[in-house]
Amino acid sequence: MDIKVDQSVTVSFDAFLNVALKGTVKTVGITKVSAPQGTSAYKIEVEIQAPKEELNLKSGLATSLEIETARKENVIAVPIESILTTGGKSYVEKIMSDGTTQRIEVQTGISGGTFTEILSGINEGDKILLIPESSTSSTSTSNTSSGGTPNIQIPGLGPQGGEYSSPPSGGVITSPPSGGQGNPGG
């Protein structure tokens, strides 16, 4: 289990659209509680920052939690749909200078649900296909200017950093949120 005391939490409420409160994990149960088959569930206690008075929070409200379980800064990351995994290895389709593509093996790190960290195989500034072609050839032509498969350019990793929520611009990558439904204070 990746959830630990003092991890950051974002709590949202079904009853209050566009409201997200920040908090911290205070306790994590060590005994599993009942959960659907094939999953594990543990009771956790979260402390949220004092809510706005006009929210009128009540016990029993349905909530969703996002818990940051890992964080890395200044990484190369690509959308998960641009990674092809075959035979236990991961690949991306790199767009070469002549417009063709070449399947390049990459070593992946943590995944943030929409993006995955790339540890080796491609470099800052490389262009890759957003959705890799499923062909088995190692080189194919790519026509992205007239309705072909979209491509992305691996952004630079500038010193300013930033949050990792859209194609990263040299910022922070966080693991996918661990979360679920729960009752605040319950």
N, C-alpha and C. Protein backbone atom coordinates (compact mmCIF):
# COMPACT_ATOMS: atom_id res chain seq x y z
N MET A 1 0.85 -1.17 0.00
CA MET A 1 0.00 0.00 0.00
C MET A 1 0.90 1.24 0.00
N ASP A 2 0.60 2.18 -0.89
CA ASP A 2 1.42 3.38 -1.05
C ASP A 2 0.96 4.56 -0.20
N ILE A 3 -0.15 4.43 0.49
CA ILE A 3 -0.67 5.56 1.27
C ILE A 3 0.01 5.59 2.62
N LYS A 4 0.54 6.79 2.97
CA LYS A 4 1.27 6.95 4.22
C LYS A 4 0.82 8.23 4.93
N VAL A 5 1.05 8.28 6.22
CA VAL A 5 0.74 9.45 7.03
C VAL A 5 1.50 10.66 6.48
N ASP A 6 0.86 11.81 6.48
CA ASP A 6 1.39 13.11 6.05
C ASP A 6 1.39 13.32 4.54
N GLN A 7 0.82 12.39 3.76
CA GLN A 7 0.72 12.63 2.32
C GLN A 7 -0.38 13.66 2.05
N SER A 8 -0.21 14.42 0.98
CA SER A 8 -1.18 15.44 0.60
C SER A 8 -2.44 14.80 0.02
N VAL A 9 -3.58 15.39 0.35
CA VAL A 9 -4.88 14.88 -0.10
C VAL A 9 -5.69 16.04 -0.67
N THR A 10 -6.40 15.77 -1.74
CA THR A 10 -7.39 16.71 -2.25
C THR A 10 -8.74 16.03 -2.13
N VAL A 11 -9.66 16.68 -1.44
CA VAL A 11 -11.00 16.11 -1.20
C VAL A 11 -12.01 16.90 -2.01
N SER A 12 -12.81 16.18 -2.80
CA SER A 12 -13.90 16.83 -3.53
C SER A 12 -15.21 16.18 -3.12
N PHE A 13 -16.29 16.91 -3.31
CA PHE A 13 -17.60 16.48 -2.83
C PHE A 13 -18.59 16.41 -3.99
N ASP A 14 -19.35 15.33 -4.05
CA ASP A 14 -20.38 15.20 -5.09
C ASP A 14 -21.40 16.34 -5.01
N ALA A 15 -21.68 16.79 -3.80
CA ALA A 15 -22.71 17.81 -3.60
C ALA A 15 -22.23 19.23 -3.91
N PHE A 16 -20.92 19.43 -4.01
CA PHE A 16 -20.38 20.76 -4.25
C PHE A 16 -19.43 20.72 -5.44
N LEU A 17 -19.96 20.99 -6.61
CA LEU A 17 -19.14 20.99 -7.81
C LEU A 17 -18.11 22.10 -7.73
N ASN A 18 -16.96 21.89 -8.30
CA ASN A 18 -15.88 22.87 -8.35
C ASN A 18 -15.33 23.25 -6.98
N VAL A 19 -15.51 22.40 -5.99
CA VAL A 19 -14.94 22.65 -4.67
C VAL A 19 -13.97 21.52 -4.37
N ALA A 20 -12.74 21.88 -4.06
CA ALA A 20 -11.73 20.89 -3.68
C ALA A 20 -10.97 21.44 -2.47
N LEU A 21 -10.94 20.67 -1.42
CA LEU A 21 -10.26 21.10 -0.20
C LEU A 21 -8.97 20.31 -0.04
N LYS A 22 -7.95 20.97 0.44
CA LYS A 22 -6.66 20.33 0.67
C LYS A 22 -6.63 19.75 2.07
N GLY A 23 -5.90 18.67 2.20
CA GLY A 23 -5.77 18.04 3.50
C GLY A 23 -4.54 17.18 3.58
N THR A 24 -4.47 16.40 4.66
CA THR A 24 -3.32 15.55 4.93
C THR A 24 -3.81 14.23 5.51
N VAL A 25 -3.16 13.13 5.12
CA VAL A 25 -3.46 11.82 5.71
C VAL A 25 -2.95 11.83 7.14
N LYS A 26 -3.82 11.51 8.09
CA LYS A 26 -3.44 11.50 9.51
C LYS A 26 -3.19 10.10 10.03
N THR A 27 -4.02 9.13 9.63
CA THR A 27 -3.80 7.74 10.04
C THR A 27 -4.13 6.81 8.87
N VAL A 28 -3.47 5.67 8.86
CA VAL A 28 -3.73 4.64 7.85
C VAL A 28 -3.92 3.33 8.60
N GLY A 29 -5.07 2.70 8.39
CA GLY A 29 -5.35 1.43 9.04
C GLY A 29 -4.40 0.34 8.57
N ILE A 30 -4.13 -0.63 9.44
CA ILE A 30 -3.25 -1.73 9.06
C ILE A 30 -4.03 -2.99 8.73
N THR A 31 -5.33 -2.96 8.99
CA THR A 31 -6.18 -4.11 8.71
C THR A 31 -7.10 -3.80 7.55
N LYS A 32 -7.20 -4.74 6.61
CA LYS A 32 -8.09 -4.55 5.47
C LYS A 32 -9.54 -4.51 5.94
N VAL A 33 -10.32 -3.66 5.29
CA VAL A 33 -11.76 -3.64 5.53
C VAL A 33 -12.43 -4.24 4.30
N SER A 34 -13.72 -4.52 4.37
CA SER A 34 -14.38 -5.19 3.25
C SER A 34 -14.27 -4.35 1.99
N ALA A 35 -13.99 -5.04 0.88
CA ALA A 35 -13.82 -4.37 -0.41
C ALA A 35 -14.23 -5.35 -1.51
N PRO A 36 -14.56 -4.83 -2.69
CA PRO A 36 -14.91 -5.72 -3.80
C PRO A 36 -13.77 -6.71 -4.07
N GLN A 37 -14.14 -7.87 -4.56
CA GLN A 37 -13.16 -8.92 -4.84
C GLN A 37 -12.05 -8.40 -5.74
N GLY A 38 -10.82 -8.75 -5.40
CA GLY A 38 -9.68 -8.33 -6.20
C GLY A 38 -9.11 -6.98 -5.82
N THR A 39 -9.70 -6.31 -4.83
CA THR A 39 -9.18 -5.02 -4.40
C THR A 39 -8.88 -5.06 -2.91
N SER A 40 -8.12 -4.11 -2.46
CA SER A 40 -7.82 -3.97 -1.05
C SER A 40 -8.32 -2.62 -0.59
N ALA A 41 -8.82 -2.56 0.61
CA ALA A 41 -9.28 -1.30 1.17
C ALA A 41 -8.82 -1.20 2.61
N TYR A 42 -8.38 -0.01 2.98
CA TYR A 42 -7.94 0.26 4.33
C TYR A 42 -8.61 1.54 4.79
N LYS A 43 -8.93 1.61 6.06
CA LYS A 43 -9.52 2.82 6.61
C LYS A 43 -8.40 3.85 6.79
N ILE A 44 -8.65 5.05 6.29
CA ILE A 44 -7.70 6.14 6.50
C ILE A 44 -8.44 7.32 7.10
N GLU A 45 -7.71 8.12 7.84
CA GLU A 45 -8.27 9.33 8.42
C GLU A 45 -7.56 10.51 7.78
N VAL A 46 -8.35 11.47 7.31
CA VAL A 46 -7.81 12.64 6.63
C VAL A 46 -8.25 13.88 7.36
N GLU A 47 -7.33 14.81 7.54
CA GLU A 47 -7.67 16.11 8.13
C GLU A 47 -7.65 17.13 7.00
N ILE A 48 -8.78 17.83 6.83
CA ILE A 48 -8.83 18.85 5.78
C ILE A 48 -8.72 20.23 6.40
N GLN A 49 -8.24 21.17 5.60
CA GLN A 49 -8.15 22.55 6.07
C GLN A 49 -9.56 23.06 6.30
N ALA A 50 -9.69 23.99 7.22
CA ALA A 50 -11.00 24.51 7.59
C ALA A 50 -11.79 24.90 6.34
N PRO A 51 -12.96 24.27 6.14
CA PRO A 51 -13.75 24.56 4.94
C PRO A 51 -14.41 25.93 5.03
N LYS A 52 -14.79 26.42 3.88
CA LYS A 52 -15.53 27.68 3.83
C LYS A 52 -16.86 27.47 4.56
N GLU A 53 -17.24 28.43 5.35
CA GLU A 53 -18.47 28.31 6.15
C GLU A 53 -19.69 28.05 5.28
N GLU A 54 -19.76 28.66 4.09
CA GLU A 54 -20.95 28.51 3.26
C GLU A 54 -21.11 27.11 2.67
N LEU A 55 -20.12 26.23 2.82
CA LEU A 55 -20.25 24.87 2.27
C LEU A 55 -21.24 24.02 3.06
N ASN A 56 -21.36 24.26 4.34
CA ASN A 56 -22.28 23.50 5.18
C ASN A 56 -22.01 22.00 5.07
N LEU A 57 -20.78 21.59 5.35
CA LEU A 57 -20.40 20.18 5.28
C LEU A 57 -21.11 19.40 6.37
N LYS A 58 -21.56 18.20 6.01
CA LYS A 58 -22.26 17.34 6.95
C LYS A 58 -21.72 15.93 6.84
N SER A 59 -21.80 15.20 7.92
CA SER A 59 -21.40 13.80 7.91
C SER A 59 -22.27 13.03 6.92
N GLY A 60 -21.64 12.13 6.18
CA GLY A 60 -22.39 11.32 5.23
C GLY A 60 -22.33 11.79 3.79
N LEU A 61 -21.73 12.96 3.54
CA LEU A 61 -21.59 13.43 2.16
C LEU A 61 -20.64 12.52 1.39
N ALA A 62 -20.98 12.22 0.15
CA ALA A 62 -20.10 11.42 -0.70
C ALA A 62 -18.90 12.26 -1.11
N THR A 63 -17.72 11.68 -0.97
CA THR A 63 -16.49 12.39 -1.30
C THR A 63 -15.62 11.55 -2.21
N SER A 64 -14.71 12.22 -2.86
CA SER A 64 -13.65 11.55 -3.62
C SER A 64 -12.33 12.10 -3.10
N LEU A 65 -11.35 11.21 -2.94
CA LEU A 65 -10.05 11.61 -2.45
C LEU A 65 -8.99 11.36 -3.51
N GLU A 66 -8.08 12.30 -3.65
CA GLU A 66 -6.89 12.09 -4.47
C GLU A 66 -5.71 12.25 -3.53
N ILE A 67 -4.92 11.19 -3.43
CA ILE A 67 -3.78 11.18 -2.52
C ILE A 67 -2.50 11.08 -3.35
N GLU A 68 -1.62 12.04 -3.18
CA GLU A 68 -0.35 12.03 -3.90
C GLU A 68 0.56 11.02 -3.23
N THR A 69 0.88 9.93 -3.95
CA THR A 69 1.68 8.86 -3.37
C THR A 69 3.14 8.90 -3.81
N ALA A 70 3.45 9.68 -4.84
CA ALA A 70 4.85 9.84 -5.28
C ALA A 70 4.96 11.15 -6.04
N ARG A 71 6.16 11.69 -6.06
CA ARG A 71 6.38 12.98 -6.74
C ARG A 71 7.81 13.02 -7.26
N LYS A 72 7.95 13.42 -8.51
CA LYS A 72 9.27 13.60 -9.10
C LYS A 72 9.27 14.90 -9.87
N GLU A 73 10.38 15.60 -9.82
CA GLU A 73 10.48 16.88 -10.50
C GLU A 73 11.51 16.80 -11.62
N ASN A 74 11.34 17.68 -12.62
CA ASN A 74 12.26 17.80 -13.74
C ASN A 74 12.51 16.47 -14.44
N VAL A 75 11.43 15.88 -14.94
CA VAL A 75 11.51 14.60 -15.63
C VAL A 75 11.01 14.75 -17.07
N ILE A 76 11.39 13.80 -17.91
CA ILE A 76 10.79 13.70 -19.24
C ILE A 76 9.60 12.78 -19.08
N ALA A 77 8.45 13.21 -19.57
CA ALA A 77 7.23 12.42 -19.45
C ALA A 77 6.45 12.51 -20.74
N VAL A 78 5.73 11.43 -21.07
CA VAL A 78 4.93 11.38 -22.28
C VAL A 78 3.53 10.89 -21.93
N PRO A 79 2.53 11.22 -22.74
CA PRO A 79 1.18 10.69 -22.50
C PRO A 79 1.21 9.16 -22.53
N ILE A 80 0.46 8.54 -21.64
CA ILE A 80 0.50 7.08 -21.56
C ILE A 80 0.08 6.42 -22.86
N GLU A 81 -0.80 7.06 -23.63
CA GLU A 81 -1.25 6.44 -24.87
C GLU A 81 -0.18 6.44 -25.95
N SER A 82 0.94 7.12 -25.74
CA SER A 82 2.02 7.10 -26.72
C SER A 82 3.01 5.96 -26.46
N ILE A 83 2.78 5.19 -25.40
CA ILE A 83 3.68 4.09 -25.06
C ILE A 83 3.04 2.76 -25.47
N LEU A 84 3.81 1.97 -26.19
CA LEU A 84 3.39 0.63 -26.61
C LEU A 84 4.19 -0.37 -25.80
N THR A 85 3.52 -1.33 -25.18
CA THR A 85 4.21 -2.34 -24.40
C THR A 85 4.02 -3.69 -25.07
N THR A 86 5.13 -4.34 -25.38
CA THR A 86 5.13 -5.64 -26.04
C THR A 86 6.23 -6.49 -25.43
N GLY A 87 5.91 -7.73 -25.09
CA GLY A 87 6.92 -8.64 -24.56
C GLY A 87 7.63 -8.12 -23.33
N GLY A 88 6.91 -7.37 -22.50
CA GLY A 88 7.50 -6.84 -21.28
C GLY A 88 8.39 -5.62 -21.48
N LYS A 89 8.47 -5.12 -22.71
CA LYS A 89 9.27 -3.93 -22.99
C LYS A 89 8.37 -2.80 -23.45
N SER A 90 8.79 -1.56 -23.20
CA SER A 90 8.01 -0.39 -23.58
C SER A 90 8.71 0.34 -24.72
N TYR A 91 7.88 0.88 -25.63
CA TYR A 91 8.39 1.57 -26.81
C TYR A 91 7.58 2.83 -27.07
N VAL A 92 8.20 3.78 -27.77
CA VAL A 92 7.50 4.92 -28.35
C VAL A 92 7.88 4.98 -29.82
N GLU A 93 7.05 5.64 -30.61
CA GLU A 93 7.34 5.85 -32.02
C GLU A 93 7.94 7.25 -32.15
N LYS A 94 9.26 7.31 -32.37
CA LYS A 94 9.97 8.58 -32.49
C LYS A 94 9.91 9.06 -33.93
N ILE A 95 9.59 10.34 -34.11
CA ILE A 95 9.55 10.93 -35.45
C ILE A 95 10.97 11.39 -35.79
N MET A 96 11.51 10.80 -36.85
CA MET A 96 12.88 11.10 -37.26
C MET A 96 12.89 12.39 -38.09
N SER A 97 14.07 12.93 -38.33
CA SER A 97 14.20 14.20 -39.06
C SER A 97 13.69 14.12 -40.49
N ASP A 98 13.66 12.91 -41.09
CA ASP A 98 13.17 12.77 -42.47
C ASP A 98 11.67 12.51 -42.53
N GLY A 99 10.98 12.56 -41.38
CA GLY A 99 9.53 12.38 -41.35
C GLY A 99 9.09 10.95 -41.11
N THR A 100 10.00 9.99 -41.14
CA THR A 100 9.63 8.61 -40.85
C THR A 100 9.59 8.43 -39.34
N THR A 101 9.04 7.30 -38.91
CA THR A 101 9.03 7.01 -37.48
C THR A 101 9.85 5.77 -37.23
N GLN A 102 10.40 5.69 -36.03
CA GLN A 102 11.17 4.53 -35.63
C GLN A 102 10.75 4.15 -34.22
N ARG A 103 10.51 2.86 -34.03
CA ARG A 103 10.15 2.37 -32.70
C ARG A 103 11.40 2.37 -31.83
N ILE A 104 11.33 3.08 -30.70
CA ILE A 104 12.46 3.22 -29.79
C ILE A 104 12.08 2.60 -28.45
N GLU A 105 12.93 1.72 -27.92
CA GLU A 105 12.68 1.16 -26.60
C GLU A 105 12.96 2.22 -25.55
N VAL A 106 12.07 2.32 -24.58
CA VAL A 106 12.23 3.29 -23.49
C VAL A 106 12.10 2.58 -22.16
N GLN A 107 12.76 3.12 -21.16
CA GLN A 107 12.59 2.63 -19.80
C GLN A 107 11.67 3.62 -19.10
N THR A 108 10.59 3.11 -18.52
CA THR A 108 9.61 3.98 -17.89
C THR A 108 9.79 4.03 -16.38
N GLY A 109 9.32 5.12 -15.80
CA GLY A 109 9.33 5.30 -14.35
C GLY A 109 7.90 5.33 -13.84
N ILE A 110 7.62 6.29 -12.96
CA ILE A 110 6.28 6.36 -12.39
C ILE A 110 5.30 6.90 -13.42
N SER A 111 4.04 6.57 -13.21
CA SER A 111 2.98 7.04 -14.10
C SER A 111 2.02 7.89 -13.31
N GLY A 112 1.60 9.00 -13.91
CA GLY A 112 0.67 9.90 -13.24
C GLY A 112 -0.75 9.74 -13.72
N GLY A 113 -1.08 8.59 -14.28
CA GLY A 113 -2.43 8.36 -14.76
C GLY A 113 -2.63 8.82 -16.19
N THR A 114 -2.12 9.99 -16.55
CA THR A 114 -2.21 10.45 -17.94
C THR A 114 -0.84 10.56 -18.58
N PHE A 115 0.21 10.66 -17.78
CA PHE A 115 1.57 10.74 -18.28
C PHE A 115 2.45 9.72 -17.58
N THR A 116 3.50 9.28 -18.27
CA THR A 116 4.45 8.35 -17.70
C THR A 116 5.85 8.93 -17.83
N GLU A 117 6.62 8.79 -16.78
CA GLU A 117 8.00 9.25 -16.77
C GLU A 117 8.84 8.36 -17.69
N ILE A 118 9.73 8.96 -18.46
CA ILE A 118 10.66 8.22 -19.31
C ILE A 118 12.06 8.38 -18.72
N LEU A 119 12.66 7.26 -18.31
CA LEU A 119 13.98 7.29 -17.69
C LEU A 119 15.09 7.26 -18.73
N SER A 120 14.87 6.56 -19.84
CA SER A 120 15.88 6.50 -20.90
C SER A 120 15.22 6.10 -22.22
N GLY A 121 15.89 6.42 -23.31
CA GLY A 121 15.42 6.05 -24.64
C GLY A 121 15.13 7.23 -25.53
N ILE A 122 14.57 8.30 -24.97
CA ILE A 122 14.34 9.53 -25.73
C ILE A 122 14.87 10.70 -24.92
N ASN A 123 15.03 11.80 -25.62
CA ASN A 123 15.61 12.98 -24.99
C ASN A 123 14.68 14.18 -25.09
N GLU A 124 14.97 15.18 -24.28
CA GLU A 124 14.26 16.44 -24.36
C GLU A 124 14.33 16.96 -25.79
N GLY A 125 13.20 17.40 -26.33
CA GLY A 125 13.15 17.93 -27.69
C GLY A 125 12.80 16.91 -28.75
N ASP A 126 12.88 15.60 -28.44
CA ASP A 126 12.49 14.58 -29.41
C ASP A 126 11.00 14.67 -29.69
N LYS A 127 10.60 14.31 -30.90
CA LYS A 127 9.18 14.26 -31.25
C LYS A 127 8.77 12.80 -31.32
N ILE A 128 7.59 12.51 -30.75
CA ILE A 128 7.06 11.15 -30.78
C ILE A 128 5.62 11.20 -31.23
N LEU A 129 5.13 10.05 -31.71
CA LEU A 129 3.71 9.96 -32.06
C LEU A 129 2.90 9.90 -30.78
N LEU A 130 1.78 10.59 -30.79
CA LEU A 130 0.91 10.57 -29.62
C LEU A 130 0.30 9.19 -29.43
N ILE A 131 -0.13 8.57 -30.52
CA ILE A 131 -0.69 7.22 -30.45
C ILE A 131 0.17 6.35 -31.35
N PRO A 132 0.94 5.41 -30.79
CA PRO A 132 1.83 4.62 -31.62
C PRO A 132 1.05 3.73 -32.58
N GLU A 133 1.61 3.55 -33.77
CA GLU A 133 0.99 2.66 -34.73
C GLU A 133 1.23 1.23 -34.28
N SER A 134 0.28 0.34 -34.55
CA SER A 134 0.41 -1.03 -34.07
C SER A 134 1.17 -1.92 -35.04
N SER A 135 1.76 -1.32 -36.09
CA SER A 135 2.50 -2.13 -37.05
C SER A 135 3.75 -2.70 -36.39
N THR A 136 4.24 -3.80 -36.93
CA THR A 136 5.41 -4.44 -36.35
C THR A 136 6.70 -3.97 -37.01
N SER A 137 6.60 -3.17 -38.06
CA SER A 137 7.82 -2.68 -38.70
C SER A 137 8.47 -1.63 -37.81
N SER A 138 9.78 -1.53 -37.88
CA SER A 138 10.48 -0.58 -37.02
C SER A 138 10.51 0.82 -37.61
N THR A 139 10.22 0.95 -38.90
CA THR A 139 10.21 2.26 -39.53
C THR A 139 8.98 2.38 -40.42
N SER A 140 8.31 3.51 -40.33
CA SER A 140 7.17 3.76 -41.20
C SER A 140 7.10 5.24 -41.47
N THR A 141 6.35 5.63 -42.49
CA THR A 141 6.24 7.05 -42.77
C THR A 141 5.16 7.66 -41.89
N SER A 142 5.30 8.93 -41.64
CA SER A 142 4.35 9.63 -40.78
C SER A 142 3.91 10.90 -41.48
N ASN A 143 2.61 11.06 -41.66
CA ASN A 143 2.08 12.27 -42.28
C ASN A 143 1.20 12.95 -41.27
N THR A 144 1.77 13.89 -40.53
CA THR A 144 1.03 14.53 -39.46
C THR A 144 0.40 15.83 -39.89
N SER A 145 0.77 16.36 -41.06
CA SER A 145 0.25 17.66 -41.45
C SER A 145 -1.09 17.58 -42.16
N SER A 146 -1.49 16.40 -42.63
CA SER A 146 -2.77 16.31 -43.35
C SER A 146 -3.66 15.23 -42.76
N GLY A 147 -3.88 15.30 -41.47
CA GLY A 147 -4.82 14.39 -40.83
C GLY A 147 -4.21 13.09 -40.36
N GLY A 148 -2.90 12.99 -40.29
CA GLY A 148 -2.26 11.77 -39.82
C GLY A 148 -2.34 11.67 -38.31
N THR A 149 -1.59 10.72 -37.76
CA THR A 149 -1.56 10.53 -36.33
C THR A 149 -0.92 11.75 -35.67
N PRO A 150 -1.53 12.29 -34.62
CA PRO A 150 -0.96 13.47 -33.97
C PRO A 150 0.39 13.15 -33.35
N ASN A 151 1.24 14.15 -33.24
CA ASN A 151 2.52 13.95 -32.58
C ASN A 151 2.73 15.03 -31.55
N ILE A 152 3.65 14.75 -30.64
CA ILE A 152 3.98 15.74 -29.62
C ILE A 152 5.49 15.91 -29.59
N GLN A 153 5.92 17.05 -29.10
CA GLN A 153 7.34 17.28 -28.91
C GLN A 153 7.61 17.21 -27.43
N ILE A 154 8.67 16.48 -27.06
CA ILE A 154 9.03 16.38 -25.65
C ILE A 154 9.49 17.76 -25.21
N PRO A 155 8.81 18.35 -24.24
CA PRO A 155 9.11 19.73 -23.85
C PRO A 155 10.44 19.84 -23.14
N GLY A 156 10.96 21.06 -23.13
CA GLY A 156 12.19 21.34 -22.40
C GLY A 156 11.94 21.30 -20.91
N LEU A 157 12.98 21.10 -20.17
CA LEU A 157 12.86 21.04 -18.72
C LEU A 157 13.44 22.31 -18.13
N GLY A 158 12.68 23.38 -18.22
CA GLY A 158 13.15 24.67 -17.74
C GLY A 158 13.28 24.70 -16.23
N PRO A 159 13.98 25.69 -15.71
CA PRO A 159 14.24 25.75 -14.28
C PRO A 159 13.02 26.12 -13.44
N GLN A 160 11.96 26.65 -14.08
CA GLN A 160 10.84 27.12 -13.28
C GLN A 160 9.93 26.01 -12.78
N GLY A 161 9.94 24.86 -13.39
CA GLY A 161 9.11 23.76 -12.90
C GLY A 161 7.65 24.02 -13.13
N GLY A 162 6.81 23.45 -12.30
CA GLY A 162 5.38 23.64 -12.44
C GLY A 162 4.64 22.38 -12.08
N GLU A 163 3.35 22.44 -12.11
CA GLU A 163 2.55 21.27 -11.77
C GLU A 163 2.41 20.37 -12.98
N TYR A 164 2.21 19.11 -12.74
CA TYR A 164 2.15 18.08 -13.76
C TYR A 164 0.70 17.68 -13.97
N SER A 165 0.00 18.47 -14.80
CA SER A 165 -1.40 18.15 -15.01
C SER A 165 -1.77 18.09 -16.48
N SER A 166 -0.95 18.65 -17.34
CA SER A 166 -1.13 18.55 -18.78
C SER A 166 0.24 18.22 -19.34
N PRO A 167 0.40 18.16 -20.67
CA PRO A 167 1.74 17.79 -21.12
C PRO A 167 2.79 18.59 -20.36
N PRO A 168 3.67 17.90 -19.66
CA PRO A 168 4.57 18.57 -18.73
C PRO A 168 5.52 19.53 -19.42
N SER A 169 5.79 20.63 -18.74
CA SER A 169 6.73 21.61 -19.28
C SER A 169 7.93 21.70 -18.37
N GLY A 170 8.40 20.56 -17.94
CA GLY A 170 9.57 20.56 -17.08
C GLY A 170 9.20 20.70 -15.63
N GLY A 171 8.09 20.16 -15.26
CA GLY A 171 7.63 20.36 -13.92
C GLY A 171 7.64 19.12 -13.08
N VAL A 172 6.55 18.83 -12.51
CA VAL A 172 6.43 17.80 -11.50
C VAL A 172 5.57 16.67 -12.03
N ILE A 173 5.98 15.45 -11.77
CA ILE A 173 5.14 14.30 -12.11
C ILE A 173 4.71 13.66 -10.81
N THR A 174 3.44 13.37 -10.71
CA THR A 174 2.94 12.71 -9.52
C THR A 174 2.33 11.40 -9.93
N SER A 175 2.33 10.46 -9.03
CA SER A 175 1.76 9.15 -9.35
C SER A 175 0.25 9.28 -9.46
N PRO A 176 -0.39 8.24 -10.02
CA PRO A 176 -1.84 8.34 -10.13
C PRO A 176 -2.45 8.45 -8.75
N PRO A 177 -3.53 9.18 -8.64
CA PRO A 177 -4.13 9.33 -7.33
C PRO A 177 -4.65 8.01 -6.81
N SER A 178 -4.42 7.78 -5.53
CA SER A 178 -5.08 6.67 -4.87
C SER A 178 -6.30 7.29 -4.24
N GLY A 179 -7.39 6.69 -4.38
CA GLY A 179 -8.55 7.35 -3.81
C GLY A 179 -9.75 6.46 -3.84
N GLY A 180 -10.84 7.05 -3.52
CA GLY A 180 -12.06 6.28 -3.50
C GLY A 180 -13.17 7.10 -2.90
N GLN A 181 -14.17 6.42 -2.53
CA GLN A 181 -15.33 7.07 -1.94
C GLN A 181 -15.23 6.94 -0.43
N GLY A 182 -15.74 7.89 0.25
CA GLY A 182 -15.71 7.83 1.69
C GLY A 182 -16.62 8.86 2.30
N ASN A 183 -16.63 8.90 3.58
CA ASN A 183 -17.43 9.86 4.30
C ASN A 183 -16.51 10.69 5.16
N PRO A 184 -16.54 12.02 5.02
CA PRO A 184 -15.69 12.83 5.87
C PRO A 184 -16.09 12.68 7.32
N GLY A 185 -15.12 12.46 8.15
CA GLY A 185 -15.39 12.34 9.57
C GLY A 185 -16.07 11.04 9.93
N GLY A 186 -16.17 10.10 8.97
CA GLY A 186 -16.92 8.89 9.26
C GLY A 186 -16.03 7.75 9.27
